[in-house]
Protein backbone atom coordinates (compact mmCIF):
# COMPACT_ATOMS: atom_id res chain seq x y z
CA UNK A 1 -13.97 4.15 17.98
CA UNK A 2 -11.95 7.03 17.18
CA UNK A 3 -12.41 10.48 18.63
CA UNK A 4 -10.93 13.69 17.80
CA UNK A 5 -11.60 17.11 18.70
CA UNK A 6 -10.77 20.70 16.69
CA UNK A 7 -10.57 23.79 17.94
CA UNK A 8 -10.46 27.43 17.05
CA UNK A 9 -7.33 29.14 18.78
CA UNK A 10 -8.26 32.76 18.06
CA UNK A 11 -10.98 32.12 20.59
CA UNK A 12 -8.51 30.31 23.06
CA UNK A 13 -6.14 33.30 22.71
CA UNK A 14 -8.77 35.87 24.57
CA UNK A 15 -10.04 32.97 26.95
CA UNK A 16 -6.27 31.40 28.05
CA UNK A 17 -4.88 35.25 28.41
CA UNK A 18 -8.05 35.87 31.09
CA UNK A 19 -7.02 32.57 33.23
CA UNK A 20 -3.18 32.96 32.90
CA UNK A 21 -4.08 36.97 34.70
CA UNK A 22 -6.43 35.03 37.61
CA UNK A 23 -6.30 31.72 39.40
CA UNK A 24 -7.63 28.66 38.42
CA UNK A 25 -8.07 25.71 40.67
CA UNK A 26 -6.92 22.99 38.21
CA UNK A 27 -3.84 24.56 38.32
CA UNK A 28 -2.60 21.22 35.73
CA UNK A 29 -4.91 22.35 33.31
CA UNK A 30 -3.78 26.15 33.36
CA UNK A 31 -0.03 25.49 33.14
CA UNK A 32 -1.15 23.56 30.39
CA UNK A 33 -3.20 26.11 28.24
CA UNK A 34 -0.71 28.86 29.60
CA UNK A 35 2.04 26.44 27.65
CA UNK A 36 -0.47 26.43 24.50
CA UNK A 37 -1.10 29.51 23.97
CA UNK A 38 2.40 30.46 24.29
CA UNK A 39 3.51 27.67 21.45
CA UNK A 40 0.44 29.13 19.16
CA UNK A 41 1.86 32.53 19.65
CA UNK A 42 5.81 31.50 18.79
CA UNK A 43 4.37 29.89 15.55
CA UNK A 44 1.45 31.94 14.27
CA UNK A 45 -0.44 28.90 13.91
CA UNK A 46 -4.39 29.15 12.13
CA UNK A 47 -7.01 27.05 14.61
CA UNK A 48 -5.39 23.40 15.30
CA UNK A 49 -7.26 19.98 15.06
CA UNK A 50 -6.48 18.20 18.11
CA UNK A 51 -6.09 14.10 18.43
CA UNK A 52 -7.70 13.60 21.83
CA UNK A 53 -8.10 9.59 21.75
CA UNK A 54 -7.28 6.85 19.38
CA UNK A 55 -7.98 2.82 19.93
CA UNK A 56 -7.25 0.07 17.14
CA UNK A 57 -4.21 -0.84 15.76
CA UNK A 58 -1.48 1.19 14.03
CA UNK A 59 -3.39 1.24 10.72
CA UNK A 60 -5.98 2.91 12.27
CA UNK A 61 -4.06 5.43 13.39
CA UNK A 62 -2.28 6.44 10.57
CA UNK A 63 -5.91 6.52 8.48
CA UNK A 64 -7.07 9.09 11.65
CA UNK A 65 -3.65 10.85 11.40
CA UNK A 66 -3.58 11.33 7.66
CA UNK A 67 -7.44 12.09 7.29
CA UNK A 68 -7.49 14.67 9.85
CA UNK A 69 -3.89 16.27 8.69
CA UNK A 70 -5.94 16.29 4.97
CA UNK A 71 -8.85 18.17 6.68
CA UNK A 72 -7.01 20.83 8.77
CA UNK A 73 -4.90 21.97 5.55
CA UNK A 74 -8.38 22.39 3.60
CA UNK A 75 -10.19 24.16 7.08
CA UNK A 76 -7.17 26.27 7.43
CA UNK A 77 -6.15 24.67 10.83
CA UNK A 78 -3.12 23.04 12.50
CA UNK A 79 -2.82 19.60 13.78
CA UNK A 80 -1.98 18.81 17.15
CA UNK A 81 -1.54 15.13 18.57
CA UNK A 82 -0.61 13.95 21.99
CA UNK A 83 2.90 13.15 23.49
CA UNK A 84 2.44 9.46 23.67
CA UNK A 85 -0.11 9.44 20.99
CA UNK A 86 0.99 5.27 19.15
CA UNK A 87 1.66 6.89 16.16
CA UNK A 88 3.88 9.84 17.27
CA UNK A 89 6.11 6.80 18.73
CA UNK A 90 6.41 5.06 15.50
CA UNK A 91 7.08 8.07 13.52
CA UNK A 92 9.25 11.08 12.90
CA UNK A 93 6.17 13.70 12.54
CA UNK A 94 6.13 17.53 11.41
CA UNK A 95 3.75 18.55 13.89
CA UNK A 96 2.58 20.07 16.78
CA UNK A 97 2.81 17.70 19.85
CA UNK A 98 0.88 18.56 23.72
CA UNK A 99 1.92 16.73 26.39
CA UNK A 100 -2.03 16.63 27.19
CA UNK A 101 -4.88 18.30 25.09
CA UNK A 102 -8.01 17.18 27.65
CA UNK A 103 -8.94 20.74 28.52
CA UNK A 104 -9.02 21.58 24.79
CA UNK A 105 -11.25 18.37 23.97
CA UNK A 106 -13.57 18.49 27.07
CA UNK A 107 -14.91 22.01 25.14
CA UNK A 108 -15.48 20.03 22.43
CA UNK A 109 -18.67 19.62 20.13
CA UNK A 110 -19.89 16.22 19.40
CA UNK A 111 -19.94 15.35 15.11
CA UNK A 112 -20.36 12.00 13.78
CA UNK A 113 -19.00 10.86 10.62
CA UNK A 114 -21.54 8.46 8.26
CA UNK A 115 -19.09 5.47 7.00
CA UNK A 116 -16.15 5.06 8.03
CA UNK A 117 -14.62 3.93 4.77
CA UNK A 118 -16.00 6.56 2.24
CA UNK A 119 -15.45 10.16 1.40
CA UNK A 120 -18.17 12.04 3.14
CA UNK A 121 -18.43 15.48 2.08
CA UNK A 122 -20.22 16.09 4.80
CA UNK A 123 -17.46 15.52 7.91
CA UNK A 124 -15.56 19.11 6.17
CA UNK A 125 -19.31 20.62 7.13
CA UNK A 126 -18.19 22.04 10.74
CA UNK A 127 -17.93 25.29 11.97
CA UNK A 128 -13.99 25.89 11.95
CA UNK A 129 -14.68 28.55 14.72
CA UNK A 130 -16.12 26.49 17.09
CA UNK A 131 -14.30 23.66 19.10
CA UNK A 132 -15.16 19.58 17.55
CA UNK A 133 -14.87 16.27 18.34
CA UNK A 134 -14.75 14.13 15.50
CA UNK A 135 -15.85 10.61 16.15
CA UNK A 136 -15.52 8.16 13.43
CA UNK A 137 -12.72 5.98 11.73
CA UNK A 138 -11.87 8.16 8.27
CA UNK A 139 -10.39 5.39 6.20
CA UNK A 140 -10.50 6.95 2.43
CA UNK A 141 -7.45 8.02 1.02
CA UNK A 142 -9.58 10.81 -0.80
CA UNK A 143 -9.27 12.53 2.55
CA UNK A 144 -5.79 13.46 2.55
CA UNK A 145 -5.00 12.82 -1.49
CA UNK A 146 -4.17 16.84 -1.49
CA UNK A 147 -0.90 16.30 1.03
CA UNK A 148 0.11 12.37 -0.45
CA UNK A 149 3.15 13.86 -0.64
CA UNK A 150 3.55 15.71 3.08
CA UNK A 151 2.43 12.52 4.56
CA UNK A 152 5.40 10.60 2.70
CA UNK A 153 7.60 12.35 4.15
CA UNK A 154 6.45 12.06 7.96
CA UNK A 155 5.54 8.20 7.63
CA UNK A 156 9.49 7.75 7.84
CA UNK A 157 10.10 5.18 10.75
CA UNK A 158 12.12 5.76 13.08
CA UNK A 159 16.04 4.61 12.94
CA UNK A 160 15.92 1.71 14.86
CA UNK A 161 12.97 0.40 13.71
CA UNK A 162 14.73 0.68 9.91
CA UNK A 163 17.60 -0.94 10.52
CA UNK A 164 15.58 -4.08 11.98
CA UNK A 165 13.49 -3.84 8.77
CA UNK A 166 15.93 -3.81 6.38
CA UNK A 167 18.02 -7.04 8.38
CA UNK A 168 14.86 -9.03 7.79
CA UNK A 169 14.84 -7.66 4.05
CA UNK A 170 18.86 -8.76 3.80
CA UNK A 171 18.30 -11.65 5.90
CA UNK A 172 15.78 -13.24 3.70
CA UNK A 173 17.24 -12.28 0.30
CA UNK A 174 20.40 -13.98 1.51
CA UNK A 175 19.00 -17.25 2.01
CA UNK A 176 16.58 -17.41 -1.10
CA UNK A 177 20.03 -16.17 -3.40
CA UNK A 178 22.38 -18.35 -1.94
CA UNK A 179 21.34 -21.20 -4.00
CA UNK A 180 20.47 -19.32 -7.02
CA UNK A 181 23.13 -19.26 -9.89
CA UNK A 182 21.42 -15.89 -10.82
CA UNK A 183 20.21 -13.29 -8.30
CA UNK A 184 19.73 -10.04 -10.90
CA UNK A 185 16.62 -7.86 -11.14
CA UNK A 186 15.28 -10.11 -8.08
CA UNK A 187 11.87 -8.33 -7.48
CA UNK A 188 10.84 -8.68 -3.76
CA UNK A 189 6.75 -8.98 -3.14
CA UNK A 190 6.18 -8.07 0.35
CA UNK A 191 2.50 -10.50 1.38
CA UNK A 192 0.75 -9.76 4.36
CA UNK A 193 -2.02 -12.20 5.84
CA UNK A 194 -4.58 -11.05 7.79
CA UNK A 195 -7.80 -14.07 8.95
CA UNK A 196 -7.50 -14.76 12.67
CA UNK A 197 -9.87 -11.66 14.36
CA UNK A 198 -11.51 -11.53 11.54
CA UNK A 199 -13.37 -14.85 11.61
CA UNK A 200 -15.00 -14.42 15.19
CA UNK A 201 -18.66 -14.90 14.84
CA UNK A 202 -19.01 -10.79 15.97
CA UNK A 203 -16.93 -10.07 12.61
CA UNK A 204 -18.37 -12.83 9.93
CA UNK A 205 -22.21 -11.43 11.31
CA UNK A 206 -21.25 -7.94 10.63
CA UNK A 207 -19.81 -9.27 6.73
CA UNK A 208 -16.27 -9.66 7.23
CA UNK A 209 -14.49 -11.72 4.34
CA UNK A 210 -10.98 -13.55 4.90
CA UNK A 211 -9.15 -14.31 1.70
CA UNK A 212 -9.03 -17.42 0.52
CA UNK A 213 -5.60 -20.14 -0.61
CA UNK A 214 -7.16 -19.14 -4.31
CA UNK A 215 -6.51 -15.08 -4.09
CA UNK A 216 -3.29 -16.10 -3.35
CA UNK A 217 -2.28 -17.99 -5.79
CA UNK A 218 -3.57 -15.52 -8.68
CA UNK A 219 -1.66 -12.45 -6.88
CA UNK A 220 1.36 -14.66 -6.91
CA UNK A 221 0.79 -15.50 -10.73
CA UNK A 222 0.19 -11.96 -11.68
CA UNK A 223 3.80 -11.02 -10.45
CA UNK A 224 5.25 -14.46 -11.69
CA UNK A 225 3.90 -13.50 -15.22
CA UNK A 226 5.36 -10.16 -14.92
CA UNK A 227 9.21 -10.72 -13.76
CA UNK A 228 11.56 -13.99 -13.86
CA UNK A 229 13.01 -14.08 -10.76
CA UNK A 230 10.34 -13.42 -7.85
CA UNK A 231 10.87 -13.60 -4.42
CA UNK A 232 7.52 -13.88 -2.20
CA UNK A 233 8.50 -12.75 1.52
CA UNK A 234 4.99 -13.66 3.51
CA UNK A 235 4.16 -11.42 7.11
CA UNK A 236 1.89 -12.18 9.35
CA UNK A 237 1.27 -11.83 12.82
CA UNK A 238 -1.15 -14.38 14.77
CA UNK A 239 -0.39 -18.02 16.28
CA UNK A 240 -3.81 -18.98 14.23
CA UNK A 241 -2.89 -16.84 10.95
CA UNK A 242 0.92 -18.60 10.88
CA UNK A 243 -0.36 -21.86 11.38
CA UNK A 244 -2.59 -20.71 8.46
CA UNK A 245 -0.23 -19.63 6.32
CA UNK A 246 2.33 -22.72 7.04
CA UNK A 247 -0.50 -25.10 5.95
CA UNK A 248 -1.48 -23.03 2.84
CA UNK A 249 1.18 -20.89 1.36
CA UNK A 250 3.96 -22.68 -0.70
CA UNK A 251 6.24 -22.75 -3.58
CA UNK A 252 9.91 -22.30 -4.40
CA UNK A 253 9.98 -19.30 -4.70
CA UNK A 254 8.27 -18.45 -1.24
CA UNK A 255 9.50 -17.63 2.36
CA UNK A 256 7.59 -16.96 5.79
CA UNK A 257 8.74 -15.13 7.62
CA UNK A 258 8.85 -15.06 11.37
CA UNK A 259 6.81 -12.71 13.32
CA UNK A 260 8.23 -9.12 14.48
CA UNK A 261 7.22 -6.69 16.37
CA UNK A 262 4.22 -4.78 14.35
CA UNK A 263 6.86 -1.49 13.59
CA UNK A 264 9.47 -3.97 11.93
CA UNK A 265 6.89 -5.87 9.71
CA UNK A 266 5.11 -2.82 8.54
CA UNK A 267 8.97 -1.31 7.76
CA UNK A 268 9.82 -4.44 6.21
CA UNK A 269 6.93 -4.53 3.77
CA UNK A 270 7.66 -1.32 2.79
CA UNK A 271 11.12 -2.03 1.48
CA UNK A 272 9.74 -4.71 -1.23
CA UNK A 273 9.09 -3.63 -4.35
CA UNK A 274 5.92 -4.52 -5.21
CA UNK A 275 2.95 -5.49 -2.43
CA UNK A 276 0.30 -8.21 -1.92
CA UNK A 277 -2.16 -7.42 1.11
CA UNK A 278 -5.34 -9.43 2.31
CA UNK A 279 -7.32 -7.42 5.04
CA UNK A 280 -7.53 -4.79 7.30
CA UNK A 281 -5.84 -1.29 7.69
CA UNK A 282 -2.47 -2.57 8.71
CA UNK A 283 -1.75 -4.71 5.27
CA UNK A 284 -3.53 -1.59 3.20
CA UNK A 285 -0.62 1.41 4.70
CA UNK A 286 2.14 -1.33 3.94
CA UNK A 287 0.57 -1.44 0.25
CA UNK A 288 0.62 2.67 0.36
CA UNK A 289 4.31 3.37 1.76
CA UNK A 290 5.67 0.19 -0.78
CA UNK A 291 7.11 2.09 -3.93
CA UNK A 292 5.42 -0.61 -6.59
CA UNK A 293 2.18 -2.10 -7.52
CA UNK A 294 -0.15 -3.21 -4.95
CA UNK A 295 -2.69 -6.37 -5.47
CA UNK A 296 -6.09 -6.37 -2.79
CA UNK A 297 -8.36 -8.78 -1.97
CA UNK A 298 -11.41 -7.07 -3.24
CA UNK A 299 -14.21 -9.61 -1.87
CA UNK A 300 -13.65 -7.88 2.00
CA UNK A 301 -17.64 -7.26 2.62
CA UNK A 302 -20.57 -9.60 2.28
CA UNK A 303 -23.20 -8.48 -0.31
CA UNK A 304 -25.41 -6.76 1.08
CA UNK A 305 -23.91 -6.76 4.75
CA UNK A 306 -23.24 -3.86 7.21
CA UNK A 307 -19.57 -3.61 6.71
CA UNK A 308 -20.40 -3.57 2.91
CA UNK A 309 -23.11 -0.44 3.60
CA UNK A 310 -19.92 0.84 5.16
CA UNK A 311 -17.87 1.74 1.72
CA UNK A 312 -18.93 3.80 -0.76
CA UNK A 313 -20.42 1.93 -3.97
CA UNK A 314 -17.45 0.71 -6.01
CA UNK A 315 -15.04 0.62 -3.06
CA UNK A 316 -12.80 3.57 -4.64
CA UNK A 317 -13.22 5.46 -1.78
CA UNK A 318 -11.12 2.98 0.64
CA UNK A 319 -8.87 1.48 -2.80
CA UNK A 320 -6.99 4.12 -4.71
CA UNK A 321 -7.57 4.18 -8.41
CA UNK A 322 -3.66 2.62 -9.56
CA UNK A 323 -4.29 -0.62 -7.42
CA UNK A 324 -5.64 -4.01 -8.88
CA UNK A 325 -8.38 -5.95 -7.32
CA UNK A 326 -8.48 -9.86 -7.32
C-alpha cells in the first residue's frame, strides 16, 4: 500500500519559527524543519503535498506521483518528494525535493481511497489547511489529465538510461533490417508481457487474469493490417515470463528482447512507434509515454471478483479513452 501526506505550510511557518528560536530534543528534526521553512519562504509555495512512503514497482510510483501532482494542482498545493524516492532516481522531476519529511508526515491525518483503479472525487474531499496522509494507489489517468503536458516534460529518463534504451532499439532494428531489402516506413511496436506474479494462488483468487496467446496474436494482426512493414519488439522480465514468451510468441516480424534494467526496458518501450500491453502498471506507463497507439488487454479482472470492484463500471477510469481494448 502507498502512503502520502499533505500539509498546510502557512500553519507550519509559525510553528517552525518557534522551534527555530527554542530548543528541540530531536536536533535532526529541528534542522530539517528549519531548512523546510527557508525553502518555502524562498519559493513562496502554497501548502505542499508530501510523498512519505511508496512501495511497489516503478509503474506504481509513477501513478502515485502523477495523481498527487494533479491533486496538488487542484487543491492549490505543491508536491514535495523525498530525495531517495524511487521515482526521483529515474526521472528529471520538477518538484521540491527533501532529504526527509518524517516530521511532517507524523502530524498527518489518515485518508483512505475507496477504489485503487477508479477516479473518486471523495479523494479531494479534505481540508487543505490541515496535514493529511493519503493511503492508496490512485491508478486513474483522470487524476492527472489536466497536468498531462507537465508530466510528460518531467517523465524524461536520465541520459544514461536513455542512451542504453536507444542502443537496444538500434540493435534489434539493425538485426531485423539487415536481411531486408526495404527498411523504409518501418513501424516498431513495443510489446510488454507480464504474467508470473499474477498467476499466484492469491492473485488468481483476488481476480487477476493474464493475457493469453490469442490476445497477442490479435493485437499483432491489428498492426499488420495497418502497416506493411512491422517489427514487434517483445519485452518481459522474469525467467518464467521469458520461457512463456519464447514458447508462445513467434513470427518473422517478431524479435524477443533480452531483459535489461527495468528503467531501460520502459524507456526503450517508449521509443517504439506503438505499444501492446498485457497487465500491470509498468506496461500501462509504457503505453502512456509512447507516441502512438496503445492496445491493451481488457479482460484483466475476473467478473464479480474483488479486483473487478477496484475499477469503475466500464474501466475507462483506468484505461484512457483513445486506447484500444482487445
